[in-house]
Amino acid sequence: MNRFFSDTRSNDFCNQLLLFLTALLLYLPSIGQAQSIALSFDDGLDPINQPTASLWNSSILEALSNAQLKAILFPAGKRVDSPAGLSLVREWGKAGHAVANHTYSHFNFCSEKTTLVQFISDTKRNEELLKDMPGWEKRLRFPYLKEGETLKKRDGFRSWLTAHGYKSGAVSIDASDWYYNKRYLAWRANHPNDDPSPFRIAYLNHLWDRATYYDALSERIYNRSVKHVLLLHTKAINAAFLPDIIAMFRSKGWVFISPEEAYEDPIYAIMPTGLPAGESILWALAKQNGLKNLRYPAESDVYEKPLLDKLGL
């Protein structure tokens, strides 16, 4: 009996010590360390509706290979659910990149039209589609980074993720590359033979602005730079400019790491308390900590349209 109570107290002490050390790691300043960043890509490509899908996929993978980087792909099933689409996803796994879950239908979980039961079913459907892929791992990236607008939906799905062994697929650096891609395709259609440098510069400036913004949030909250995960998409703009993106971050002194290493940062184990839930993990934690002037949604075309209009792009 005494030994039982002794073991119980020992286990309680170990658990409390582990919680203390985890909290300590969150707030320890990263003295003398460069900012680190991992690349993640959402959605996947649909060769049926996008004739250049294979070319874009190859360009992104070639850029990663040339830079000797490993990334993570979060395909949405509805975009890749064909032999040709799944073949493109398989190329990522065969190249040593991780493949994870982005749900099948890409529903907005903060929409009243999307129920908890529906979202769980959609996540399971995507797992069934992708689970035999090379590089598959159980991480979930919420579409639009929306994690539920009610307590019931948010906590209900978090419980399901935990029960089914899913790990975080959160991002620390969000951006509007999807909107820049839309503008880039329109600009390219009207300037098929022009030097894309003006658009490349505008896009790189956008990504750098967002990276420094979210890194500053990290410093304000935790007095350190977290191991960042950057959200990008499998779009034409990244197929065109990924080598430049990589070169830019390296020129600024940032170090690229694998997604696996980035997700070891204790920040990704935190479940923010705010509602509606979602956005960048740093944005959500900044809101939870009472930081002011956080725009919502955190990233949107409404912020970027005036900038690109002014540049004539």
C-alpha atoms as a PDB file:
ATOM      1  CA  MET A   1       0.000   0.000   0.000  1.00  0.00           C
ATOM      2  CA  ASN A   2       2.747   2.454   0.912  1.00  0.00           C
ATOM      3  CA  ARG A   3       4.600   1.603  -2.264  1.00  0.00           C
ATOM      4  CA  PHE A   4       1.429   2.328  -4.243  1.00  0.00           C
ATOM      5  CA  PHE A   5       1.110   5.812  -2.800  1.00  0.00           C
ATOM      6  CA  SER A   6       4.824   6.390  -3.291  1.00  0.00           C
ATOM      7  CA  ASP A   7       4.551   5.420  -6.978  1.00  0.00           C
ATOM      8  CA  THR A   8       1.475   7.613  -7.404  1.00  0.00           C
ATOM      9  CA  ARG A   9       3.233  10.636  -5.915  1.00  0.00           C
ATOM     10  CA  SER A  10       6.257   9.907  -8.111  1.00  0.00           C
ATOM     11  CA  ASN A  11       4.102   9.798 -11.244  1.00  0.00           C
ATOM     12  CA  ASP A  12       2.349  13.021 -10.273  1.00  0.00           C
ATOM     13  CA  PHE A  13       5.699  14.696  -9.712  1.00  0.00           C
ATOM     14  CA  CYS A  14       7.013  13.504 -13.101  1.00  0.00           C
ATOM     15  CA  ASN A  15       3.907  14.759 -14.874  1.00  0.00           C
ATOM     16  CA  GLN A  16       4.140  18.141 -13.174  1.00  0.00           C
ATOM     17  CA  LEU A  17       7.828  18.346 -14.005  1.00  0.00           C
ATOM     18  CA  LEU A  18       7.100  17.555 -17.654  1.00  0.00           C
ATOM     19  CA  LEU A  19       4.465  20.290 -17.797  1.00  0.00           C
ATOM     20  CA  PHE A  20       6.873  22.747 -16.192  1.00  0.00           C
ATOM     21  CA  LEU A  21       9.683  21.926 -18.618  1.00  0.00           C
ATOM     22  CA  THR A  22       7.338  22.231 -21.608  1.00  0.00           C
ATOM     23  CA  ALA A  23       6.168  25.639 -20.415  1.00  0.00           C
ATOM     24  CA  LEU A  24       9.770  26.664 -19.803  1.00  0.00           C
ATOM     25  CA  LEU A  25      10.746  25.717 -23.350  1.00  0.00           C
ATOM     26  CA  LEU A  26       7.998  27.936 -24.704  1.00  0.00           C
ATOM     27  CA  TYR A  27       9.449  31.014 -23.064  1.00  0.00           C
ATOM     28  CA  LEU A  28      13.179  30.419 -23.289  1.00  0.00           C
ATOM     29  CA  PRO A  29      14.770  33.016 -25.596  1.00  0.00           C
ATOM     30  CA  SER A  30      16.567  31.593 -28.632  1.00  0.00           C
ATOM     31  CA  ILE A  31      19.798  33.482 -28.015  1.00  0.00           C
ATOM     32  CA  GLY A  32      22.175  33.375 -30.933  1.00  0.00           C
ATOM     33  CA  GLN A  33      19.859  31.201 -33.010  1.00  0.00           C
ATOM     34  CA  ALA A  34      18.637  32.156 -36.461  1.00  0.00           C
ATOM     35  CA  GLN A  35      14.964  31.991 -37.300  1.00  0.00           C
ATOM     36  CA  SER A  36      14.015  28.571 -38.631  1.00  0.00           C
ATOM     37  CA  ILE A  37      11.257  27.727 -41.088  1.00  0.00           C
ATOM     38  CA  ALA A  38       9.652  24.674 -42.677  1.00  0.00           C
ATOM     39  CA  LEU A  39       7.650  24.612 -45.899  1.00  0.00           C
ATOM     40  CA  SER A  40       4.141  23.198 -46.164  1.00  0.00           C
ATOM     41  CA  PHE A  41       1.859  23.058 -49.200  1.00  0.00           C
ATOM     42  CA  ASP A  42      -1.920  22.750 -49.246  1.00  0.00           C
ATOM     43  CA  ASP A  43      -4.516  21.281 -51.603  1.00  0.00           C
ATOM     44  CA  GLY A  44      -2.618  19.280 -54.226  1.00  0.00           C
ATOM     45  CA  LEU A  45      -3.169  19.500 -57.977  1.00  0.00           C
ATOM     46  CA  ASP A  46      -5.979  18.328 -60.237  1.00  0.00           C
ATOM     47  CA  PRO A  47      -4.697  17.236 -63.667  1.00  0.00           C
ATOM     48  CA  ILE A  48      -8.264  16.789 -64.917  1.00  0.00           C
ATOM     49  CA  ASN A  49      -9.174  20.470 -64.567  1.00  0.00           C
ATOM     50  CA  GLN A  50      -5.649  21.929 -64.726  1.00  0.00           C
ATOM     51  CA  PRO A  51      -3.667  20.868 -67.814  1.00  0.00           C
ATOM     52  CA  THR A  52      -0.393  22.188 -66.374  1.00  0.00           C
ATOM     53  CA  ALA A  53      -0.802  20.420 -63.016  1.00  0.00           C
ATOM     54  CA  SER A  54       1.973  17.913 -63.697  1.00  0.00           C
ATOM     55  CA  LEU A  55       4.355  20.674 -64.763  1.00  0.00           C
ATOM     56  CA  TRP A  56       3.637  22.741 -61.640  1.00  0.00           C
ATOM     57  CA  ASN A  57       4.021  19.697 -59.414  1.00  0.00           C
ATOM     58  CA  SER A  58       7.372  18.831 -60.998  1.00  0.00           C
ATOM     59  CA  SER A  59       8.602  22.428 -60.718  1.00  0.00           C
ATOM     60  CA  ILE A  60       7.843  22.588 -56.987  1.00  0.00           C
ATOM     61  CA  LEU A  61       9.437  19.207 -56.320  1.00  0.00           C
ATOM     62  CA  GLU A  62      12.489  20.119 -58.396  1.00  0.00           C
ATOM     63  CA  ALA A  63      12.952  23.358 -56.448  1.00  0.00           C
ATOM     64  CA  LEU A  64      12.781  21.466 -53.160  1.00  0.00           C
ATOM     65  CA  SER A  65      15.220  18.856 -54.419  1.00  0.00           C
ATOM     66  CA  ASN A  66      17.703  21.440 -55.683  1.00  0.00           C
ATOM     67  CA  ALA A  67      17.570  23.199 -52.314  1.00  0.00           C
ATOM     68  CA  GLN A  68      17.857  19.857 -50.468  1.00  0.00           C
ATOM     69  CA  LEU A  69      14.680  20.539 -48.488  1.00  0.00           C
ATOM     70  CA  LYS A  70      11.906  18.328 -47.208  1.00  0.00           C
ATOM     71  CA  ALA A  71       8.354  19.676 -47.053  1.00  0.00           C
ATOM     72  CA  ILE A  72       4.862  18.433 -46.218  1.00  0.00           C
ATOM     73  CA  LEU A  73       1.871  18.240 -48.564  1.00  0.00           C
ATOM     74  CA  PHE A  74      -1.722  18.451 -47.318  1.00  0.00           C
ATOM     75  CA  PRO A  75      -3.891  17.278 -50.241  1.00  0.00           C
ATOM     76  CA  ALA A  76      -7.646  17.832 -50.283  1.00  0.00           C
ATOM     77  CA  GLY A  77      -9.180  14.665 -51.685  1.00  0.00           C
ATOM     78  CA  LYS A  78     -11.620  16.306 -54.062  1.00  0.00           C
ATOM     79  CA  ARG A  79      -8.678  17.899 -55.896  1.00  0.00           C
ATOM     80  CA  VAL A  80      -6.562  14.755 -56.251  1.00  0.00           C
ATOM     81  CA  ASP A  81      -9.111  11.926 -56.379  1.00  0.00           C
ATOM     82  CA  SER A  82      -8.202  10.540 -59.779  1.00  0.00           C
ATOM     83  CA  PRO A  83      -5.424   8.206 -60.910  1.00  0.00           C
ATOM     84  CA  ALA A  84      -3.524  11.171 -62.339  1.00  0.00           C
ATOM     85  CA  GLY A  85      -4.060  13.313 -59.245  1.00  0.00           C
ATOM     86  CA  LEU A  86      -3.013  10.596 -56.827  1.00  0.00           C
ATOM     87  CA  SER A  87       0.034   9.946 -58.976  1.00  0.00           C
ATOM     88  CA  LEU A  88       1.149  13.543 -58.395  1.00  0.00           C
ATOM     89  CA  VAL A  89       0.652  13.135 -54.638  1.00  0.00           C
ATOM     90  CA  ARG A  90       2.654   9.909 -54.740  1.00  0.00           C
ATOM     91  CA  GLU A  91       5.567  11.799 -56.302  1.00  0.00           C
ATOM     92  CA  TRP A  92       5.810  13.852 -53.106  1.00  0.00           C
ATOM     93  CA  GLY A  93       6.003  10.798 -50.875  1.00  0.00           C
ATOM     94  CA  LYS A  94       8.490   9.032 -53.139  1.00  0.00           C
ATOM     95  CA  ALA A  95      10.703  12.132 -53.003  1.00  0.00           C
ATOM     96  CA  GLY A  96      10.798  11.894 -49.199  1.00  0.00           C
ATOM     97  CA  HIS A  97       8.193  14.522 -48.357  1.00  0.00           C
ATOM     98  CA  ALA A  98       5.395  13.965 -45.851  1.00  0.00           C
ATOM     99  CA  VAL A  99       1.773  13.616 -46.973  1.00  0.00           C
ATOM    100  CA  ALA A 100      -1.011  14.483 -44.537  1.00  0.00           C
ATOM    101  CA  ASN A 101      -4.737  15.211 -44.250  1.00  0.00           C
ATOM    102  CA  HIS A 102      -6.521  18.350 -45.466  1.00  0.00           C
ATOM    103  CA  THR A 103     -10.028  16.790 -45.472  1.00  0.00           C
ATOM    104  CA  TYR A 104     -11.695  15.546 -48.628  1.00  0.00           C
ATOM    105  CA  SER A 105     -14.136  18.328 -49.507  1.00  0.00           C
ATOM    106  CA  HIS A 106     -12.251  21.342 -48.112  1.00  0.00           C
ATOM    107  CA  PHE A 107     -15.227  22.476 -46.019  1.00  0.00           C
ATOM    108  CA  ASN A 108     -15.020  25.630 -43.912  1.00  0.00           C
ATOM    109  CA  PHE A 109     -15.377  24.299 -40.354  1.00  0.00           C
ATOM    110  CA  CYS A 110     -16.396  27.745 -39.103  1.00  0.00           C
ATOM    111  CA  SER A 111     -19.443  27.704 -41.355  1.00  0.00           C
ATOM    112  CA  GLU A 112     -22.825  26.991 -39.787  1.00  0.00           C
ATOM    113  CA  LYS A 113     -23.471  24.718 -42.780  1.00  0.00           C
ATOM    114  CA  THR A 114     -20.631  22.368 -41.747  1.00  0.00           C
ATOM    115  CA  THR A 115     -21.529  20.063 -38.863  1.00  0.00           C
ATOM    116  CA  LEU A 116     -19.133  18.214 -36.575  1.00  0.00           C
ATOM    117  CA  VAL A 117     -20.359  14.833 -37.834  1.00  0.00           C
ATOM    118  CA  GLN A 118     -19.947  15.941 -41.445  1.00  0.00           C
ATOM    119  CA  PHE A 119     -16.433  17.260 -40.859  1.00  0.00           C
ATOM    120  CA  ILE A 120     -15.312  14.082 -39.096  1.00  0.00           C
ATOM    121  CA  SER A 121     -16.722  11.949 -41.910  1.00  0.00           C
ATOM    122  CA  ASP A 122     -14.968  14.105 -44.496  1.00  0.00           C
ATOM    123  CA  THR A 123     -11.650  13.816 -42.663  1.00  0.00           C
ATOM    124  CA  LYS A 124     -11.999  10.016 -42.481  1.00  0.00           C
ATOM    125  CA  ARG A 125     -12.803   9.895 -46.194  1.00  0.00           C
ATOM    126  CA  ASN A 126      -9.584  11.705 -47.026  1.00  0.00           C
ATOM    127  CA  GLU A 127      -7.579   9.415 -44.758  1.00  0.00           C
ATOM    128  CA  GLU A 128      -8.942   6.384 -46.596  1.00  0.00           C
ATOM    129  CA  LEU A 129      -7.879   7.941 -49.893  1.00  0.00           C
ATOM    130  CA  LEU A 130      -4.333   8.795 -48.807  1.00  0.00           C
ATOM    131  CA  LYS A 131      -3.333   6.390 -46.026  1.00  0.00           C
ATOM    132  CA  ASP A 132      -1.387   4.055 -48.317  1.00  0.00           C
ATOM    133  CA  MET A 133       0.656   6.861 -49.849  1.00  0.00           C
ATOM    134  CA  PRO A 134       4.415   6.866 -49.238  1.00  0.00           C
ATOM    135  CA  GLY A 135       5.152   9.533 -46.639  1.00  0.00           C
ATOM    136  CA  TRP A 136       1.657   9.401 -45.119  1.00  0.00           C
ATOM    137  CA  GLU A 137       1.387  10.669 -41.563  1.00  0.00           C
ATOM    138  CA  LYS A 138      -1.535  11.580 -39.357  1.00  0.00           C
ATOM    139  CA  ARG A 139      -1.499  15.368 -39.318  1.00  0.00           C
ATOM    140  CA  LEU A 140      -4.559  17.481 -39.995  1.00  0.00           C
ATOM    141  CA  ARG A 141      -4.481  20.916 -41.635  1.00  0.00           C
ATOM    142  CA  PHE A 142      -7.835  22.683 -41.385  1.00  0.00           C
ATOM    143  CA  PRO A 143      -9.114  24.134 -44.674  1.00  0.00           C
ATOM    144  CA  TYR A 144      -8.883  27.933 -44.569  1.00  0.00           C
ATOM    145  CA  LEU A 145      -7.301  27.415 -41.105  1.00  0.00           C
ATOM    146  CA  LYS A 146     -10.826  27.458 -39.639  1.00  0.00           C
ATOM    147  CA  GLU A 147     -11.175  25.239 -36.555  1.00  0.00           C
ATOM    148  CA  GLY A 148     -14.796  25.704 -35.525  1.00  0.00           C
ATOM    149  CA  GLU A 149     -16.977  28.630 -34.509  1.00  0.00           C
ATOM    150  CA  THR A 150     -18.623  26.928 -31.511  1.00  0.00           C
ATOM    151  CA  LEU A 151     -17.271  25.237 -28.420  1.00  0.00           C
ATOM    152  CA  LYS A 152     -19.063  22.005 -29.314  1.00  0.00           C
ATOM    153  CA  LYS A 153     -17.533  21.810 -32.786  1.00  0.00           C
ATOM    154  CA  ARG A 154     -14.057  22.956 -31.774  1.00  0.00           C
ATOM    155  CA  ASP A 155     -13.663  20.664 -28.776  1.00  0.00           C
ATOM    156  CA  GLY A 156     -15.589  17.806 -30.344  1.00  0.00           C
ATOM    157  CA  PHE A 157     -13.222  17.632 -33.283  1.00  0.00           C
ATOM    158  CA  ARG A 158     -10.162  18.110 -31.099  1.00  0.00           C
ATOM    159  CA  SER A 159     -11.273  15.094 -29.064  1.00  0.00           C
ATOM    160  CA  TRP A 160     -11.730  13.075 -32.248  1.00  0.00           C
ATOM    161  CA  LEU A 161      -8.251  14.021 -33.495  1.00  0.00           C
ATOM    162  CA  THR A 162      -6.663  12.957 -30.205  1.00  0.00           C
ATOM    163  CA  ALA A 163      -8.589   9.691 -30.077  1.00  0.00           C
ATOM    164  CA  HIS A 164      -7.486   8.821 -33.617  1.00  0.00           C
ATOM    165  CA  GLY A 165      -3.812   9.677 -33.202  1.00  0.00           C
ATOM    166  CA  TYR A 166      -3.679  12.860 -35.239  1.00  0.00           C
ATOM    167  CA  LYS A 167      -0.972  15.444 -34.653  1.00  0.00           C
ATOM    168  CA  SER A 168      -0.998  19.157 -35.348  1.00  0.00           C
ATOM    169  CA  GLY A 169      -0.802  20.463 -38.887  1.00  0.00           C
ATOM    170  CA  ALA A 170      -0.950  24.089 -37.783  1.00  0.00           C
ATOM    171  CA  VAL A 171       0.981  26.932 -39.376  1.00  0.00           C
ATOM    172  CA  SER A 172       2.808  29.762 -37.664  1.00  0.00           C
ATOM    173  CA  ILE A 173       3.162  31.944 -40.789  1.00  0.00           C
ATOM    174  CA  ASP A 174       0.009  32.478 -42.821  1.00  0.00           C
ATOM    175  CA  ALA A 175      -0.055  34.416 -46.092  1.00  0.00           C
ATOM    176  CA  SER A 176      -2.243  35.175 -49.103  1.00  0.00           C
ATOM    177  CA  ASP A 177      -0.321  33.288 -51.757  1.00  0.00           C
ATOM    178  CA  TRP A 178      -3.637  31.986 -53.133  1.00  0.00           C
ATOM    179  CA  TYR A 179      -4.665  35.563 -53.967  1.00  0.00           C
ATOM    180  CA  TYR A 180      -1.269  36.466 -55.378  1.00  0.00           C
ATOM    181  CA  ASN A 181      -1.577  33.354 -57.535  1.00  0.00           C
ATOM    182  CA  LYS A 182      -4.945  34.525 -58.866  1.00  0.00           C
ATOM    183  CA  ARG A 183      -3.498  37.908 -59.747  1.00  0.00           C
ATOM    184  CA  TYR A 184      -0.333  36.336 -61.167  1.00  0.00           C
ATOM    185  CA  LEU A 185      -2.283  34.118 -63.573  1.00  0.00           C
ATOM    186  CA  ALA A 186      -4.335  37.099 -64.755  1.00  0.00           C
ATOM    187  CA  TRP A 187      -1.212  39.226 -65.137  1.00  0.00           C
ATOM    188  CA  ARG A 188       0.605  36.449 -67.000  1.00  0.00           C
ATOM    189  CA  ALA A 189      -2.310  36.028 -69.409  1.00  0.00           C
ATOM    190  CA  ASN A 190      -2.056  39.713 -70.309  1.00  0.00           C
ATOM    191  CA  HIS A 191       1.764  39.764 -70.342  1.00  0.00           C
ATOM    192  CA  PRO A 192       2.772  36.352 -71.760  1.00  0.00           C
ATOM    193  CA  ASN A 193       6.210  37.494 -72.866  1.00  0.00           C
ATOM    194  CA  ASP A 194       7.045  40.081 -70.198  1.00  0.00           C
ATOM    195  CA  ASP A 195       9.708  39.735 -67.532  1.00  0.00           C
ATOM    196  CA  PRO A 196       7.905  38.522 -64.382  1.00  0.00           C
ATOM    197  CA  SER A 197      10.345  40.349 -62.094  1.00  0.00           C
ATOM    198  CA  PRO A 198       7.821  42.987 -60.933  1.00  0.00           C
ATOM    199  CA  PHE A 199       5.391  40.292 -59.819  1.00  0.00           C
ATOM    200  CA  ARG A 200       8.126  38.177 -58.277  1.00  0.00           C
ATOM    201  CA  ILE A 201       9.360  41.142 -56.242  1.00  0.00           C
ATOM    202  CA  ALA A 202       5.826  41.990 -55.047  1.00  0.00           C
ATOM    203  CA  TYR A 203       5.201  38.390 -54.042  1.00  0.00           C
ATOM    204  CA  LEU A 204       8.491  37.992 -52.201  1.00  0.00           C
ATOM    205  CA  ASN A 205       7.849  41.269 -50.376  1.00  0.00           C
ATOM    206  CA  HIS A 206       4.455  39.940 -49.294  1.00  0.00           C
ATOM    207  CA  LEU A 207       5.871  36.694 -47.929  1.00  0.00           C
ATOM    208  CA  TRP A 208       8.687  38.480 -46.132  1.00  0.00           C
ATOM    209  CA  ASP A 209       6.255  40.976 -44.626  1.00  0.00           C
ATOM    210  CA  ARG A 210       4.059  38.177 -43.311  1.00  0.00           C
ATOM    211  CA  ALA A 211       7.035  36.175 -42.017  1.00  0.00           C
ATOM    212  CA  THR A 212       8.402  39.119 -40.038  1.00  0.00           C
ATOM    213  CA  TYR A 213       4.926  39.968 -38.744  1.00  0.00           C
ATOM    214  CA  TYR A 214       4.297  36.493 -37.319  1.00  0.00           C
ATOM    215  CA  ASP A 215       7.858  36.205 -36.039  1.00  0.00           C
ATOM    216  CA  ALA A 216       7.307  39.464 -34.168  1.00  0.00           C
ATOM    217  CA  LEU A 217       4.154  37.986 -32.603  1.00  0.00           C
ATOM    218  CA  SER A 218       6.269  35.042 -31.458  1.00  0.00           C
ATOM    219  CA  GLU A 219       8.801  37.354 -29.843  1.00  0.00           C
ATOM    220  CA  ARG A 220       6.072  39.378 -28.124  1.00  0.00           C
ATOM    221  CA  ILE A 221       4.322  36.313 -26.712  1.00  0.00           C
ATOM    222  CA  TYR A 222       7.242  33.989 -25.891  1.00  0.00           C
ATOM    223  CA  ASN A 223      10.367  36.150 -26.108  1.00  0.00           C
ATOM    224  CA  ARG A 224      11.741  33.836 -28.784  1.00  0.00           C
ATOM    225  CA  SER A 225      11.358  32.887 -32.422  1.00  0.00           C
ATOM    226  CA  VAL A 226       9.409  29.647 -32.709  1.00  0.00           C
ATOM    227  CA  LYS A 227      10.196  27.002 -35.286  1.00  0.00           C
ATOM    228  CA  HIS A 228       8.029  28.323 -38.073  1.00  0.00           C
ATOM    229  CA  VAL A 229       5.791  26.481 -40.520  1.00  0.00           C
ATOM    230  CA  LEU A 230       4.936  28.535 -43.620  1.00  0.00           C
ATOM    231  CA  LEU A 231       1.647  27.961 -45.420  1.00  0.00           C
ATOM    232  CA  LEU A 232       1.881  27.853 -49.220  1.00  0.00           C
ATOM    233  CA  HIS A 233      -0.288  26.206 -51.876  1.00  0.00           C
ATOM    234  CA  THR A 234       0.438  24.014 -54.876  1.00  0.00           C
ATOM    235  CA  LYS A 235      -0.183  26.916 -57.248  1.00  0.00           C
ATOM    236  CA  ALA A 236       1.426  28.327 -60.390  1.00  0.00           C
ATOM    237  CA  ILE A 237       3.034  31.198 -58.499  1.00  0.00           C
ATOM    238  CA  ASN A 238       4.964  28.827 -56.250  1.00  0.00           C
ATOM    239  CA  ALA A 239       5.912  26.606 -59.168  1.00  0.00           C
ATOM    240  CA  ALA A 240       7.398  29.731 -60.755  1.00  0.00           C
ATOM    241  CA  PHE A 241       9.003  31.410 -57.753  1.00  0.00           C
ATOM    242  CA  LEU A 242       9.780  28.749 -55.114  1.00  0.00           C
ATOM    243  CA  PRO A 243      13.544  28.916 -55.814  1.00  0.00           C
ATOM    244  CA  ASP A 244      13.348  32.671 -55.217  1.00  0.00           C
ATOM    245  CA  ILE A 245      11.351  32.177 -52.001  1.00  0.00           C
ATOM    246  CA  ILE A 246      13.970  29.787 -50.658  1.00  0.00           C
ATOM    247  CA  ALA A 247      16.825  32.067 -51.699  1.00  0.00           C
ATOM    248  CA  MET A 248      15.151  35.095 -50.094  1.00  0.00           C
ATOM    249  CA  PHE A 249      14.735  33.483 -46.684  1.00  0.00           C
ATOM    250  CA  ARG A 250      18.277  32.172 -46.765  1.00  0.00           C
ATOM    251  CA  SER A 251      19.610  35.602 -47.722  1.00  0.00           C
ATOM    252  CA  LYS A 252      17.845  37.022 -44.644  1.00  0.00           C
ATOM    253  CA  GLY A 253      19.633  34.487 -42.418  1.00  0.00           C
ATOM    254  CA  TRP A 254      16.675  32.156 -41.903  1.00  0.00           C
ATOM    255  CA  VAL A 255      17.425  28.427 -41.747  1.00  0.00           C
ATOM    256  CA  PHE A 256      15.209  25.825 -43.394  1.00  0.00           C
ATOM    257  CA  ILE A 257      14.266  22.776 -41.340  1.00  0.00           C
ATOM    258  CA  SER A 258      12.022  19.796 -41.974  1.00  0.00           C
ATOM    259  CA  PRO A 259       8.346  19.929 -40.983  1.00  0.00           C
ATOM    260  CA  GLU A 260       9.036  17.082 -38.554  1.00  0.00           C
ATOM    261  CA  GLU A 261      11.599  19.220 -36.733  1.00  0.00           C
ATOM    262  CA  ALA A 262       9.386  22.301 -36.798  1.00  0.00           C
ATOM    263  CA  TYR A 263       6.458  20.440 -35.252  1.00  0.00           C
ATOM    264  CA  GLU A 264       8.656  19.447 -32.328  1.00  0.00           C
ATOM    265  CA  ASP A 265       8.294  23.015 -31.077  1.00  0.00           C
ATOM    266  CA  PRO A 266       6.009  22.967 -28.000  1.00  0.00           C
ATOM    267  CA  ILE A 267       3.858  25.729 -29.484  1.00  0.00           C
ATOM    268  CA  TYR A 268       2.150  23.232 -31.807  1.00  0.00           C
ATOM    269  CA  ALA A 269       0.887  21.181 -28.867  1.00  0.00           C
ATOM    270  CA  ILE A 270      -1.092  24.154 -27.530  1.00  0.00           C
ATOM    271  CA  MET A 271      -4.832  24.314 -28.154  1.00  0.00           C
ATOM    272  CA  PRO A 272      -5.884  27.991 -28.109  1.00  0.00           C
ATOM    273  CA  THR A 273      -9.083  28.847 -26.279  1.00  0.00           C
ATOM    274  CA  GLY A 274     -10.544  31.507 -28.571  1.00  0.00           C
ATOM    275  CA  LEU A 275     -13.658  31.400 -30.726  1.00  0.00           C
ATOM    276  CA  PRO A 276     -14.039  31.335 -33.623  1.00  0.00           C
ATOM    277  CA  ALA A 277     -11.062  28.981 -33.532  1.00  0.00           C
ATOM    278  CA  GLY A 278      -8.325  28.957 -36.117  1.00  0.00           C
ATOM    279  CA  GLU A 279      -5.905  31.135 -38.106  1.00  0.00           C
ATOM    280  CA  SER A 280      -2.150  30.895 -37.551  1.00  0.00           C
ATOM    281  CA  ILE A 281      -1.270  29.303 -34.211  1.00  0.00           C
ATOM    282  CA  LEU A 282       0.619  32.506 -33.366  1.00  0.00           C
ATOM    283  CA  TRP A 283      -2.362  34.673 -34.276  1.00  0.00           C
ATOM    284  CA  ALA A 284      -4.642  32.527 -32.116  1.00  0.00           C
ATOM    285  CA  LEU A 285      -2.251  32.662 -29.166  1.00  0.00           C
ATOM    286  CA  ALA A 286      -1.770  36.409 -29.585  1.00  0.00           C
ATOM    287  CA  LYS A 287      -5.542  36.811 -29.380  1.00  0.00           C
ATOM    288  CA  GLN A 288      -5.658  34.548 -26.326  1.00  0.00           C
ATOM    289  CA  ASN A 289      -2.959  36.674 -24.681  1.00  0.00           C
ATOM    290  CA  GLY A 290      -4.844  39.911 -25.307  1.00  0.00           C
ATOM    291  CA  LEU A 291      -2.637  41.452 -27.995  1.00  0.00           C
ATOM    292  CA  LYS A 292      -4.443  44.301 -29.707  1.00  0.00           C
ATOM    293  CA  ASN A 293      -5.033  45.213 -33.364  1.00  0.00           C
ATOM    294  CA  LEU A 294      -5.234  41.671 -34.697  1.00  0.00           C
ATOM    295  CA  ARG A 295      -7.162  41.828 -37.952  1.00  0.00           C
ATOM    296  CA  TYR A 296      -9.739  39.146 -38.759  1.00  0.00           C
ATOM    297  CA  PRO A 297      -9.528  37.203 -40.930  1.00  0.00           C
ATOM    298  CA  ALA A 298      -5.794  37.344 -40.390  1.00  0.00           C
ATOM    299  CA  GLU A 299      -5.002  37.065 -44.120  1.00  0.00           C
ATOM    300  CA  SER A 300      -7.332  38.017 -46.959  1.00  0.00           C
ATOM    301  CA  ASP A 301      -7.494  39.476 -50.447  1.00  0.00           C
ATOM    302  CA  VAL A 302      -9.014  42.655 -49.013  1.00  0.00           C
ATOM    303  CA  TYR A 303      -5.619  43.566 -47.568  1.00  0.00           C
ATOM    304  CA  GLU A 304      -3.606  42.672 -50.662  1.00  0.00           C
ATOM    305  CA  LYS A 305      -5.835  43.973 -53.466  1.00  0.00           C
ATOM    306  CA  PRO A 306      -5.046  47.679 -52.912  1.00  0.00           C
ATOM    307  CA  LEU A 307      -1.301  46.920 -52.891  1.00  0.00           C
ATOM    308  CA  LEU A 308      -1.374  45.018 -56.177  1.00  0.00           C
ATOM    309  CA  ASP A 309      -3.755  47.527 -57.763  1.00  0.00           C
ATOM    310  CA  LYS A 310      -1.336  50.322 -56.881  1.00  0.00           C
ATOM    311  CA  LEU A 311       1.512  48.385 -58.486  1.00  0.00           C
ATOM    312  CA  GLY A 312      -0.545  47.749 -61.603  1.00  0.00           C
ATOM    313  CA  LEU A 313      -0.161  43.997 -61.243  1.00  0.00           C
END
